[in-house]
C-alpha atoms as a PDB file:
ATOM      1  CA  UNK A   1       0.000   0.000   0.000  1.00  0.00           C
ATOM      2  CA  UNK A   2       1.478   3.312  -1.100  1.00  0.00           C
ATOM      3  CA  UNK A   3       2.046   6.003   1.488  1.00  0.00           C
ATOM      4  CA  UNK A   4      -0.141   9.044   0.950  1.00  0.00           C
ATOM      5  CA  UNK A   5       1.709  12.193   0.057  1.00  0.00           C
ATOM      6  CA  UNK A   6      -0.406  14.124   2.550  1.00  0.00           C
ATOM      7  CA  UNK A   7       0.763  11.713   5.280  1.00  0.00           C
ATOM      8  CA  UNK A   8       4.387  12.348   4.344  1.00  0.00           C
ATOM      9  CA  UNK A   9       3.785  16.093   4.490  1.00  0.00           C
ATOM     10  CA  UNK A  10       2.023  15.700   7.839  1.00  0.00           C
ATOM     11  CA  UNK A  11       4.958  13.699   9.206  1.00  0.00           C
ATOM     12  CA  UNK A  12       7.424  16.374   8.116  1.00  0.00           C
ATOM     13  CA  UNK A  13       5.185  19.079   9.566  1.00  0.00           C
ATOM     14  CA  UNK A  14       4.900  17.164  12.862  1.00  0.00           C
ATOM     15  CA  UNK A  15       8.695  16.903  13.056  1.00  0.00           C
ATOM     16  CA  UNK A  16       8.992  20.629  12.393  1.00  0.00           C
ATOM     17  CA  UNK A  17       6.365  21.305  15.090  1.00  0.00           C
ATOM     18  CA  UNK A  18       8.275  19.251  17.671  1.00  0.00           C
ATOM     19  CA  UNK A  19      11.477  21.126  16.828  1.00  0.00           C
ATOM     20  CA  UNK A  20       9.588  24.426  17.131  1.00  0.00           C
ATOM     21  CA  UNK A  21       8.241  23.338  20.536  1.00  0.00           C
ATOM     22  CA  UNK A  22      11.717  22.405  21.784  1.00  0.00           C
ATOM     23  CA  UNK A  23      13.188  25.634  20.416  1.00  0.00           C
ATOM     24  CA  UNK A  24      10.547  27.684  22.238  1.00  0.00           C
ATOM     25  CA  UNK A  25      11.220  25.838  25.487  1.00  0.00           C
ATOM     26  CA  UNK A  26      14.971  26.469  25.122  1.00  0.00           C
ATOM     27  CA  UNK A  27      14.470  30.191  24.479  1.00  0.00           C
ATOM     28  CA  UNK A  28      12.059  30.624  27.404  1.00  0.00           C
ATOM     29  CA  UNK A  29      14.450  28.768  29.691  1.00  0.00           C
ATOM     30  CA  UNK A  30      17.414  30.869  28.576  1.00  0.00           C
ATOM     31  CA  UNK A  31      15.544  34.182  28.838  1.00  0.00           C
ATOM     32  CA  UNK A  32      13.481  33.633  31.994  1.00  0.00           C
ATOM     33  CA  UNK A  33      15.893  31.401  33.950  1.00  0.00           C
ATOM     34  CA  UNK A  34      18.312  34.157  35.025  1.00  0.00           C
ATOM     35  CA  UNK A  35      15.418  36.455  36.018  1.00  0.00           C
ATOM     36  CA  UNK A  36      13.951  33.717  38.183  1.00  0.00           C
ATOM     37  CA  UNK A  37      17.309  33.173  39.880  1.00  0.00           C
ATOM     38  CA  UNK A  38      17.603  36.891  40.646  1.00  0.00           C
ATOM     39  CA  UNK A  39      14.038  36.965  42.024  1.00  0.00           C
ATOM     40  CA  UNK A  40      14.795  34.045  44.338  1.00  0.00           C
ATOM     41  CA  UNK A  41      17.931  35.783  45.637  1.00  0.00           C
ATOM     42  CA  UNK A  42      16.029  39.027  46.262  1.00  0.00           C
ATOM     43  CA  UNK A  43      13.212  37.178  48.017  1.00  0.00           C
ATOM     44  CA  UNK A  44      15.620  35.326  50.303  1.00  0.00           C
ATOM     45  CA  UNK A  45      17.377  38.591  51.133  1.00  0.00           C
ATOM     46  CA  UNK A  46      14.042  40.247  51.943  1.00  0.00           C
ATOM     47  CA  UNK A  47      13.092  37.346  54.191  1.00  0.00           C
ATOM     48  CA  UNK A  48      16.376  37.526  56.058  1.00  0.00           C
ATOM     49  CA  UNK A  49      16.014  41.261  56.572  1.00  0.00           C
ATOM     50  CA  UNK A  50      12.479  40.787  57.886  1.00  0.00           C
ATOM     51  CA  UNK A  51      13.560  38.087  60.354  1.00  0.00           C
ATOM     52  CA  UNK A  52      16.480  40.258  61.443  1.00  0.00           C
ATOM     53  CA  UNK A  53      14.209  43.234  62.087  1.00  0.00           C
ATOM     54  CA  UNK A  54      11.529  41.134  63.842  1.00  0.00           C
ATOM     55  CA  UNK A  55      13.353  38.654  66.030  1.00  0.00           C
ATOM     56  CA  UNK A  56      10.149  37.784  67.860  1.00  0.00           C
ATOM     57  CA  UNK A  57       8.936  36.017  64.700  1.00  0.00           C
ATOM     58  CA  UNK A  58      10.408  32.577  64.163  1.00  0.00           C
ATOM     59  CA  UNK A  59      11.304  31.207  60.769  1.00  0.00           C
ATOM     60  CA  UNK A  60       8.650  28.474  61.122  1.00  0.00           C
ATOM     61  CA  UNK A  61       5.874  30.963  61.892  1.00  0.00           C
ATOM     62  CA  UNK A  62       6.872  33.153  58.958  1.00  0.00           C
ATOM     63  CA  UNK A  63       6.918  30.091  56.702  1.00  0.00           C
ATOM     64  CA  UNK A  64       3.412  29.117  57.817  1.00  0.00           C
ATOM     65  CA  UNK A  65       2.149  32.671  57.269  1.00  0.00           C
ATOM     66  CA  UNK A  66       3.654  32.860  53.776  1.00  0.00           C
ATOM     67  CA  UNK A  67       2.111  29.504  52.837  1.00  0.00           C
ATOM     68  CA  UNK A  68      -1.317  30.686  53.992  1.00  0.00           C
ATOM     69  CA  UNK A  69      -0.976  33.902  51.968  1.00  0.00           C
ATOM     70  CA  UNK A  70       0.124  32.018  48.845  1.00  0.00           C
ATOM     71  CA  UNK A  71      -2.720  29.524  49.175  1.00  0.00           C
ATOM     72  CA  UNK A  72      -5.251  32.332  49.520  1.00  0.00           C
ATOM     73  CA  UNK A  73      -3.712  34.171  46.545  1.00  0.00           C
ATOM     74  CA  UNK A  74      -3.978  31.044  44.384  1.00  0.00           C
ATOM     75  CA  UNK A  75      -7.689  31.023  45.202  1.00  0.00           C
ATOM     76  CA  UNK A  76      -8.046  34.645  44.153  1.00  0.00           C
ATOM     77  CA  UNK A  77      -8.092  36.097  47.665  1.00  0.00           C
ATOM     78  CA  UNK A  78      -5.680  38.947  48.392  1.00  0.00           C
ATOM     79  CA  UNK A  79      -4.682  40.434  51.729  1.00  0.00           C
ATOM     80  CA  UNK A  80      -3.398  43.633  50.157  1.00  0.00           C
ATOM     81  CA  UNK A  81      -5.182  46.802  51.253  1.00  0.00           C
ATOM     82  CA  UNK A  82      -7.911  46.895  53.861  1.00  0.00           C
ATOM     83  CA  UNK A  83     -11.010  44.784  54.338  1.00  0.00           C
ATOM     84  CA  UNK A  84     -13.271  47.328  52.631  1.00  0.00           C
ATOM     85  CA  UNK A  85     -12.017  46.357  49.174  1.00  0.00           C
ATOM     86  CA  UNK A  86     -14.493  44.978  46.676  1.00  0.00           C
ATOM     87  CA  UNK A  87     -14.775  41.163  46.953  1.00  0.00           C
ATOM     88  CA  UNK A  88     -13.899  38.827  44.091  1.00  0.00           C
ATOM     89  CA  UNK A  89     -17.490  37.743  43.604  1.00  0.00           C
ATOM     90  CA  UNK A  90     -19.125  41.135  43.285  1.00  0.00           C
ATOM     91  CA  UNK A  91     -21.387  41.554  40.248  1.00  0.00           C
ATOM     92  CA  UNK A  92     -18.722  43.239  38.113  1.00  0.00           C
ATOM     93  CA  UNK A  93     -16.094  40.656  39.020  1.00  0.00           C
ATOM     94  CA  UNK A  94     -18.567  37.827  38.365  1.00  0.00           C
ATOM     95  CA  UNK A  95     -19.411  39.236  34.916  1.00  0.00           C
ATOM     96  CA  UNK A  96     -15.700  39.299  34.093  1.00  0.00           C
ATOM     97  CA  UNK A  97     -15.267  35.730  35.359  1.00  0.00           C
ATOM     98  CA  UNK A  98     -18.273  34.486  33.366  1.00  0.00           C
ATOM     99  CA  UNK A  99     -16.891  36.152  30.231  1.00  0.00           C
ATOM    100  CA  UNK A 100     -13.500  34.481  30.722  1.00  0.00           C
ATOM    101  CA  UNK A 101     -15.257  31.112  31.057  1.00  0.00           C
ATOM    102  CA  UNK A 102     -17.549  31.466  28.039  1.00  0.00           C
ATOM    103  CA  UNK A 103     -14.734  32.719  25.800  1.00  0.00           C
ATOM    104  CA  UNK A 104     -12.432  29.906  27.069  1.00  0.00           C
ATOM    105  CA  UNK A 105      -9.771  32.475  27.989  1.00  0.00           C
ATOM    106  CA  UNK A 106      -9.818  31.260  31.592  1.00  0.00           C
ATOM    107  CA  UNK A 107      -7.329  33.531  33.334  1.00  0.00           C
ATOM    108  CA  UNK A 108      -7.381  31.396  36.480  1.00  0.00           C
ATOM    109  CA  UNK A 109      -6.840  34.282  38.897  1.00  0.00           C
ATOM    110  CA  UNK A 110     -10.291  33.730  40.432  1.00  0.00           C
ATOM    111  CA  UNK A 111     -11.854  30.280  40.667  1.00  0.00           C
ATOM    112  CA  UNK A 112     -14.900  28.781  42.368  1.00  0.00           C
ATOM    113  CA  UNK A 113     -14.038  27.628  45.888  1.00  0.00           C
ATOM    114  CA  UNK A 114     -17.216  25.782  46.875  1.00  0.00           C
ATOM    115  CA  UNK A 115     -18.312  22.412  45.512  1.00  0.00           C
ATOM    116  CA  UNK A 116     -21.578  23.938  44.346  1.00  0.00           C
ATOM    117  CA  UNK A 117     -19.693  26.651  42.486  1.00  0.00           C
ATOM    118  CA  UNK A 118     -17.472  24.079  40.752  1.00  0.00           C
ATOM    119  CA  UNK A 119     -20.458  21.975  39.667  1.00  0.00           C
ATOM    120  CA  UNK A 120     -22.305  25.031  38.385  1.00  0.00           C
ATOM    121  CA  UNK A 121     -19.175  26.164  36.506  1.00  0.00           C
ATOM    122  CA  UNK A 122     -19.045  22.795  34.697  1.00  0.00           C
ATOM    123  CA  UNK A 123     -22.715  22.936  33.714  1.00  0.00           C
ATOM    124  CA  UNK A 124     -22.569  26.644  32.861  1.00  0.00           C
ATOM    125  CA  UNK A 125     -19.516  26.208  30.608  1.00  0.00           C
ATOM    126  CA  UNK A 126     -20.909  23.065  28.947  1.00  0.00           C
ATOM    127  CA  UNK A 127     -23.967  24.987  27.809  1.00  0.00           C
ATOM    128  CA  UNK A 128     -22.443  28.440  27.458  1.00  0.00           C
ATOM    129  CA  UNK A 129     -19.399  27.666  25.309  1.00  0.00           C
ATOM    130  CA  UNK A 130     -21.455  26.162  22.420  1.00  0.00           C
ATOM    131  CA  UNK A 131     -23.838  29.120  22.689  1.00  0.00           C
ATOM    132  CA  UNK A 132     -20.862  31.473  22.486  1.00  0.00           C
ATOM    133  CA  UNK A 133     -19.572  29.692  19.384  1.00  0.00           C
ATOM    134  CA  UNK A 134     -22.991  30.020  17.752  1.00  0.00           C
ATOM    135  CA  UNK A 135     -23.069  33.723  18.614  1.00  0.00           C
ATOM    136  CA  UNK A 136     -19.559  34.285  17.265  1.00  0.00           C
ATOM    137  CA  UNK A 137     -20.298  32.350  14.064  1.00  0.00           C
ATOM    138  CA  UNK A 138     -23.449  34.357  13.384  1.00  0.00           C
ATOM    139  CA  UNK A 139     -21.664  37.655  14.073  1.00  0.00           C
ATOM    140  CA  UNK A 140     -18.692  36.773  11.863  1.00  0.00           C
ATOM    141  CA  UNK A 141     -21.020  35.707   9.043  1.00  0.00           C
ATOM    142  CA  UNK A 142     -22.636  39.140   9.028  1.00  0.00           C
ATOM    143  CA  UNK A 143     -19.319  40.956   9.253  1.00  0.00           C
ATOM    144  CA  UNK A 144     -18.020  38.858   6.362  1.00  0.00           C
ATOM    145  CA  UNK A 145     -20.693  40.491   4.202  1.00  0.00           C
ATOM    146  CA  UNK A 146     -19.008  43.835   4.887  1.00  0.00           C
ATOM    147  CA  UNK A 147     -15.496  42.593   4.134  1.00  0.00           C
ATOM    148  CA  UNK A 148     -16.761  40.787   1.015  1.00  0.00           C
ATOM    149  CA  UNK A 149     -18.325  44.012  -0.209  1.00  0.00           C
ATOM    150  CA  UNK A 150     -14.962  45.703   0.268  1.00  0.00           C
ATOM    151  CA  UNK A 151     -13.292  42.931  -1.719  1.00  0.00           C
ATOM    152  CA  UNK A 152     -15.783  43.290  -4.570  1.00  0.00           C
ATOM    153  CA  UNK A 153     -15.151  47.035  -4.588  1.00  0.00           C
ATOM    154  CA  UNK A 154     -11.399  46.498  -4.852  1.00  0.00           C
ATOM    155  CA  UNK A 155     -11.841  43.964  -7.657  1.00  0.00           C
ATOM    156  CA  UNK A 156     -14.165  46.286  -9.565  1.00  0.00           C
ATOM    157  CA  UNK A 157     -11.783  49.212  -9.158  1.00  0.00           C
ATOM    158  CA  UNK A 158      -8.428  47.500  -9.690  1.00  0.00           C
ATOM    159  CA  UNK A 159      -9.297  44.144 -11.302  1.00  0.00           C
ATOM    160  CA  UNK A 160      -8.140  45.318 -14.728  1.00  0.00           C
ATOM    161  CA  UNK A 161      -4.753  46.350 -13.338  1.00  0.00           C
ATOM    162  CA  UNK A 162      -3.830  43.608 -10.868  1.00  0.00           C
ATOM    163  CA  UNK A 163      -4.437  39.888 -10.449  1.00  0.00           C
ATOM    164  CA  UNK A 164      -7.170  38.615  -8.141  1.00  0.00           C
ATOM    165  CA  UNK A 165      -4.586  37.061  -5.835  1.00  0.00           C
ATOM    166  CA  UNK A 166      -2.838  40.390  -5.370  1.00  0.00           C
ATOM    167  CA  UNK A 167      -6.136  42.153  -4.680  1.00  0.00           C
ATOM    168  CA  UNK A 168      -7.093  39.477  -2.144  1.00  0.00           C
ATOM    169  CA  UNK A 169      -3.804  39.999  -0.326  1.00  0.00           C
ATOM    170  CA  UNK A 170      -4.331  43.758  -0.241  1.00  0.00           C
ATOM    171  CA  UNK A 171      -7.863  43.204   1.063  1.00  0.00           C
ATOM    172  CA  UNK A 172      -6.504  40.879   3.746  1.00  0.00           C
ATOM    173  CA  UNK A 173      -3.891  43.464   4.722  1.00  0.00           C
ATOM    174  CA  UNK A 174      -6.651  46.068   5.196  1.00  0.00           C
ATOM    175  CA  UNK A 175      -8.638  43.701   7.445  1.00  0.00           C
ATOM    176  CA  UNK A 176      -5.498  42.777   9.356  1.00  0.00           C
ATOM    177  CA  UNK A 177      -4.580  46.439   9.919  1.00  0.00           C
ATOM    178  CA  UNK A 178      -8.119  47.196  11.131  1.00  0.00           C
ATOM    179  CA  UNK A 179      -7.990  44.356  13.669  1.00  0.00           C
ATOM    180  CA  UNK A 180      -4.524  45.295  14.898  1.00  0.00           C
ATOM    181  CA  UNK A 181      -5.505  48.911  15.436  1.00  0.00           C
ATOM    182  CA  UNK A 182      -8.901  48.385  17.072  1.00  0.00           C
ATOM    183  CA  UNK A 183      -8.204  45.167  18.970  1.00  0.00           C
ATOM    184  CA  UNK A 184      -4.606  45.686  20.067  1.00  0.00           C
ATOM    185  CA  UNK A 185      -3.150  49.179  19.661  1.00  0.00           C
ATOM    186  CA  UNK A 186      -6.052  51.345  20.842  1.00  0.00           C
ATOM    187  CA  UNK A 187      -7.161  49.048  23.712  1.00  0.00           C
ATOM    188  CA  UNK A 188      -3.547  48.788  24.874  1.00  0.00           C
ATOM    189  CA  UNK A 189      -3.377  52.595  25.029  1.00  0.00           C
ATOM    190  CA  UNK A 190      -6.609  52.639  27.059  1.00  0.00           C
ATOM    191  CA  UNK A 191      -5.358  50.030  29.496  1.00  0.00           C
ATOM    192  CA  UNK A 192      -2.016  51.777  30.036  1.00  0.00           C
ATOM    193  CA  UNK A 193      -3.913  54.976  30.826  1.00  0.00           C
ATOM    194  CA  UNK A 194      -6.086  53.229  33.425  1.00  0.00           C
ATOM    195  CA  UNK A 195      -3.660  50.719  34.937  1.00  0.00           C
ATOM    196  CA  UNK A 196      -1.032  52.753  36.764  1.00  0.00           C
ATOM    197  CA  UNK A 197       1.363  49.825  37.124  1.00  0.00           C
ATOM    198  CA  UNK A 198       1.310  48.810  33.450  1.00  0.00           C
ATOM    199  CA  UNK A 199       3.474  50.128  30.649  1.00  0.00           C
ATOM    200  CA  UNK A 200       2.444  49.922  27.000  1.00  0.00           C
ATOM    201  CA  UNK A 201       4.201  46.581  26.486  1.00  0.00           C
ATOM    202  CA  UNK A 202       2.323  45.115  29.454  1.00  0.00           C
ATOM    203  CA  UNK A 203      -0.982  46.359  28.031  1.00  0.00           C
ATOM    204  CA  UNK A 204      -0.269  45.075  24.528  1.00  0.00           C
ATOM    205  CA  UNK A 205       0.870  41.775  26.033  1.00  0.00           C
ATOM    206  CA  UNK A 206      -2.416  41.475  27.936  1.00  0.00           C
ATOM    207  CA  UNK A 207      -4.427  42.173  24.777  1.00  0.00           C
ATOM    208  CA  UNK A 208      -2.495  39.559  22.805  1.00  0.00           C
ATOM    209  CA  UNK A 209      -2.700  36.887  25.516  1.00  0.00           C
ATOM    210  CA  UNK A 210      -6.443  37.501  25.839  1.00  0.00           C
ATOM    211  CA  UNK A 211      -7.328  37.692  22.142  1.00  0.00           C
ATOM    212  CA  UNK A 212      -5.440  34.472  21.424  1.00  0.00           C
ATOM    213  CA  UNK A 213      -7.329  32.870  24.377  1.00  0.00           C
ATOM    214  CA  UNK A 214      -4.035  31.882  26.016  1.00  0.00           C
ATOM    215  CA  UNK A 215      -5.172  33.568  29.225  1.00  0.00           C
ATOM    216  CA  UNK A 216      -2.076  33.268  31.394  1.00  0.00           C
ATOM    217  CA  UNK A 217      -3.636  35.429  34.092  1.00  0.00           C
ATOM    218  CA  UNK A 218      -0.477  37.332  35.028  1.00  0.00           C
ATOM    219  CA  UNK A 219      -2.087  40.641  34.021  1.00  0.00           C
ATOM    220  CA  UNK A 220      -5.735  41.244  34.903  1.00  0.00           C
ATOM    221  CA  UNK A 221      -7.477  44.624  34.424  1.00  0.00           C
ATOM    222  CA  UNK A 222      -9.068  46.065  37.539  1.00  0.00           C
ATOM    223  CA  UNK A 223      -7.192  43.935  40.058  1.00  0.00           C
ATOM    224  CA  UNK A 224      -5.814  47.009  41.810  1.00  0.00           C
ATOM    225  CA  UNK A 225      -7.825  47.249  45.056  1.00  0.00           C
ATOM    226  CA  UNK A 226      -7.794  51.039  44.775  1.00  0.00           C
ATOM    227  CA  UNK A 227      -9.198  51.046  41.228  1.00  0.00           C
ATOM    228  CA  UNK A 228     -12.050  53.523  40.865  1.00  0.00           C
ATOM    229  CA  UNK A 229     -15.318  52.405  39.209  1.00  0.00           C
ATOM    230  CA  UNK A 230     -14.070  48.859  39.406  1.00  0.00           C
ATOM    231  CA  UNK A 231     -17.392  47.172  38.574  1.00  0.00           C
ATOM    232  CA  UNK A 232     -17.948  49.309  35.459  1.00  0.00           C
ATOM    233  CA  UNK A 233     -14.346  48.729  34.420  1.00  0.00           C
ATOM    234  CA  UNK A 234     -14.712  44.945  34.711  1.00  0.00           C
ATOM    235  CA  UNK A 235     -17.934  44.920  32.665  1.00  0.00           C
ATOM    236  CA  UNK A 236     -16.346  47.102  29.967  1.00  0.00           C
ATOM    237  CA  UNK A 237     -13.377  44.740  29.823  1.00  0.00           C
ATOM    238  CA  UNK A 238     -15.746  41.778  29.403  1.00  0.00           C
ATOM    239  CA  UNK A 239     -17.388  43.562  26.457  1.00  0.00           C
ATOM    240  CA  UNK A 240     -13.932  44.137  24.964  1.00  0.00           C
ATOM    241  CA  UNK A 241     -13.183  40.410  25.204  1.00  0.00           C
ATOM    242  CA  UNK A 242     -16.333  39.462  23.275  1.00  0.00           C
ATOM    243  CA  UNK A 243     -15.963  42.123  20.581  1.00  0.00           C
ATOM    244  CA  UNK A 244     -12.229  41.524  20.209  1.00  0.00           C
ATOM    245  CA  UNK A 245     -12.622  37.789  19.758  1.00  0.00           C
ATOM    246  CA  UNK A 246     -15.306  38.306  17.117  1.00  0.00           C
ATOM    247  CA  UNK A 247     -12.953  40.565  15.170  1.00  0.00           C
ATOM    248  CA  UNK A 248     -10.138  38.039  15.563  1.00  0.00           C
ATOM    249  CA  UNK A 249     -12.364  35.315  14.108  1.00  0.00           C
ATOM    250  CA  UNK A 250     -13.289  37.680  11.289  1.00  0.00           C
ATOM    251  CA  UNK A 251      -9.620  38.048  10.412  1.00  0.00           C
ATOM    252  CA  UNK A 252      -9.111  34.275  10.519  1.00  0.00           C
ATOM    253  CA  UNK A 253     -12.125  33.779   8.240  1.00  0.00           C
ATOM    254  CA  UNK A 254     -10.674  36.229   5.720  1.00  0.00           C
ATOM    255  CA  UNK A 255      -7.333  34.435   5.806  1.00  0.00           C
ATOM    256  CA  UNK A 256      -9.095  31.122   5.192  1.00  0.00           C
ATOM    257  CA  UNK A 257     -10.860  32.633   2.174  1.00  0.00           C
ATOM    258  CA  UNK A 258      -7.531  33.119   0.393  1.00  0.00           C
ATOM    259  CA  UNK A 259      -6.747  29.701  -1.178  1.00  0.00           C
ATOM    260  CA  UNK A 260      -3.041  30.496  -1.474  1.00  0.00           C
ATOM    261  CA  UNK A 261      -2.832  30.901   2.324  1.00  0.00           C
ATOM    262  CA  UNK A 262      -4.863  27.804   3.211  1.00  0.00           C
ATOM    263  CA  UNK A 263      -1.863  25.593   3.995  1.00  0.00           C
ATOM    264  CA  UNK A 264      -4.021  22.983   5.722  1.00  0.00           C
ATOM    265  CA  UNK A 265      -5.002  21.862   2.212  1.00  0.00           C
ATOM    266  CA  UNK A 266      -1.660  20.090   1.857  1.00  0.00           C
ATOM    267  CA  UNK A 267      -2.306  17.788   4.840  1.00  0.00           C
ATOM    268  CA  UNK A 268      -5.801  16.528   3.948  1.00  0.00           C
ATOM    269  CA  UNK A 269      -5.971  12.854   3.046  1.00  0.00           C
ATOM    270  CA  UNK A 270      -8.939  13.339   0.724  1.00  0.00           C
ATOM    271  CA  UNK A 271      -6.832  15.574  -1.505  1.00  0.00           C
ATOM    272  CA  UNK A 272      -4.701  12.533  -2.367  1.00  0.00           C
ATOM    273  CA  UNK A 273      -7.821  10.717  -3.552  1.00  0.00           C
ATOM    274  CA  UNK A 274      -8.834  13.729  -5.599  1.00  0.00           C
ATOM    275  CA  UNK A 275      -5.361  13.932  -7.118  1.00  0.00           C
ATOM    276  CA  UNK A 276      -5.433  10.193  -7.944  1.00  0.00           C
ATOM    277  CA  UNK A 277      -8.885  10.524  -9.516  1.00  0.00           C
ATOM    278  CA  UNK A 278      -7.713  13.496 -11.565  1.00  0.00           C
ATOM    279  CA  UNK A 279      -4.680  11.514 -12.730  1.00  0.00           C
ATOM    280  CA  UNK A 280      -6.892   8.587 -13.753  1.00  0.00           C
ATOM    281  CA  UNK A 281      -9.187  10.894 -15.696  1.00  0.00           C
ATOM    282  CA  UNK A 282      -6.202  12.399 -17.468  1.00  0.00           C
ATOM    283  CA  UNK A 283      -4.899   8.900 -18.282  1.00  0.00           C
ATOM    284  CA  UNK A 284      -8.259   7.920 -19.782  1.00  0.00           C
ATOM    285  CA  UNK A 285      -8.242  11.043 -21.939  1.00  0.00           C
ATOM    286  CA  UNK A 286      -4.758  10.238 -23.253  1.00  0.00           C
ATOM    287  CA  UNK A 287      -5.398   6.458 -23.630  1.00  0.00           C
ATOM    288  CA  UNK A 288      -9.095   5.927 -24.381  1.00  0.00           C
ATOM    289  CA  UNK A 289      -8.576   2.398 -25.837  1.00  0.00           C
ATOM    290  CA  UNK A 290      -6.741   1.116 -22.783  1.00  0.00           C
ATOM    291  CA  UNK A 291      -9.365   2.610 -20.554  1.00  0.00           C
ATOM    292  CA  UNK A 292     -12.378   1.039 -22.297  1.00  0.00           C
ATOM    293  CA  UNK A 293     -11.053  -2.009 -24.153  1.00  0.00           C
ATOM    294  CA  UNK A 294     -10.950  -4.268 -21.100  1.00  0.00           C
ATOM    295  CA  UNK A 295     -14.500  -3.387 -20.146  1.00  0.00           C
ATOM    296  CA  UNK A 296     -15.804  -4.127 -23.678  1.00  0.00           C
ATOM    297  CA  UNK A 297     -13.988  -7.475 -23.770  1.00  0.00           C
ATOM    298  CA  UNK A 298     -15.458  -8.506 -20.409  1.00  0.00           C
ATOM    299  CA  UNK A 299     -18.915  -7.515 -21.634  1.00  0.00           C
ATOM    300  CA  UNK A 300     -18.573  -9.754 -24.772  1.00  0.00           C
ATOM    301  CA  UNK A 301     -17.404 -12.697 -22.650  1.00  0.00           C
ATOM    302  CA  UNK A 302     -20.388 -12.345 -20.274  1.00  0.00           C
ATOM    303  CA  UNK A 303     -22.895 -12.307 -23.136  1.00  0.00           C
ATOM    304  CA  UNK A 304     -21.352 -15.448 -24.705  1.00  0.00           C
ATOM    305  CA  UNK A 305     -21.405 -17.327 -21.407  1.00  0.00           C
ATOM    306  CA  UNK A 306     -25.022 -16.411 -20.773  1.00  0.00           C
ATOM    307  CA  UNK A 307     -26.126 -17.656 -24.222  1.00  0.00           C
ATOM    308  CA  UNK A 308     -24.263 -20.952 -23.764  1.00  0.00           C
ATOM    309  CA  UNK A 309     -25.738 -21.504 -20.315  1.00  0.00           C
ATOM    310  CA  UNK A 310     -29.258 -20.941 -21.587  1.00  0.00           C
ATOM    311  CA  UNK A 311     -28.806 -23.652 -24.277  1.00  0.00           C
ATOM    312  CA  UNK A 312     -27.540 -26.442 -21.962  1.00  0.00           C
ATOM    313  CA  UNK A 313     -27.240 -25.514 -18.267  1.00  0.00           C
ATOM    314  CA  UNK A 314     -26.278 -29.081 -17.185  1.00  0.00           C
ATOM    315  CA  UNK A 315     -23.164 -29.347 -19.342  1.00  0.00           C
ATOM    316  CA  UNK A 316     -21.775 -25.861 -19.116  1.00  0.00           C
ATOM    317  CA  UNK A 317     -18.038 -25.278 -19.414  1.00  0.00           C
ATOM    318  CA  UNK A 318     -16.693 -21.776 -19.835  1.00  0.00           C
ATOM    319  CA  UNK A 319     -13.089 -22.821 -20.431  1.00  0.00           C
ATOM    320  CA  UNK A 320     -13.546 -22.751 -24.184  1.00  0.00           C
ATOM    321  CA  UNK A 321     -14.480 -19.085 -24.016  1.00  0.00           C
ATOM    322  CA  UNK A 322     -11.308 -18.160 -22.166  1.00  0.00           C
ATOM    323  CA  UNK A 323      -8.976 -17.373 -25.038  1.00  0.00           C
ATOM    324  CA  UNK A 324      -5.541 -15.862 -24.911  1.00  0.00           C
ATOM    325  CA  UNK A 325      -7.150 -12.612 -25.852  1.00  0.00           C
ATOM    326  CA  UNK A 326      -9.260 -12.710 -22.619  1.00  0.00           C
END
């Protein structure tokens, strides 16, 4: 059995993907490793200074206190500030959490703590994620009508000067620029103006991590306990997540509409069958006798056998019909 060409391509692509994965791990380790080492040294020095300044606190008690703080932080509970800060499960915070669940971003900075909350989260996500996909698909379909109209306008205006492929690429560049500006650049500027501890790179990084649904959770808007209008800010951020993801899917749909950029075509097994069928059709066109002669010969043999069998079915022998020609 011959190996499909698409399978060979897929194997090569898989090997490339593994190398890319290993390369990324090596770069992250080389870049982040030294920073982690420096952070550990600074943290140990801070701990020693604290124990030196507060000799009434033992190392064991400090260790237990730090563990309790870390455990609470992992559950989304912070001891920073005073007790009058807005809780994690206020309405605005809950809207933001629900949006992160339905969009599958899942920052992980706040999670359900009770068993009832965990069960409800499972049921809520199981129903809500398909509903979100339906909503996104319907929205993208309607926005595609706008981008398609733009493409038709470009073809009508410049079709006599440039090829369709070139016009499609220009159209895709326009859509890409629109998404970059209104999903990344402008929102990043808004976030850096609101979040006092973020620079522009931090804001852009948050937008990228969110819009690609990576959701690392290291940067979360509105987590500053002293943030003003925190509930409104969280709801506005949730709206940004929904709108931004719709625009991201719109860009992906426009990329998929350009056949020259649809590289997944090369890894589909059915394309091998289509290529084989096309080759057979071409062979039949070039060699019509070879393609039909065998079928005609078999048809003549069947008719002869049937006539002989009808004459004397008890003494039927087909060996005399099997000539060298057959």
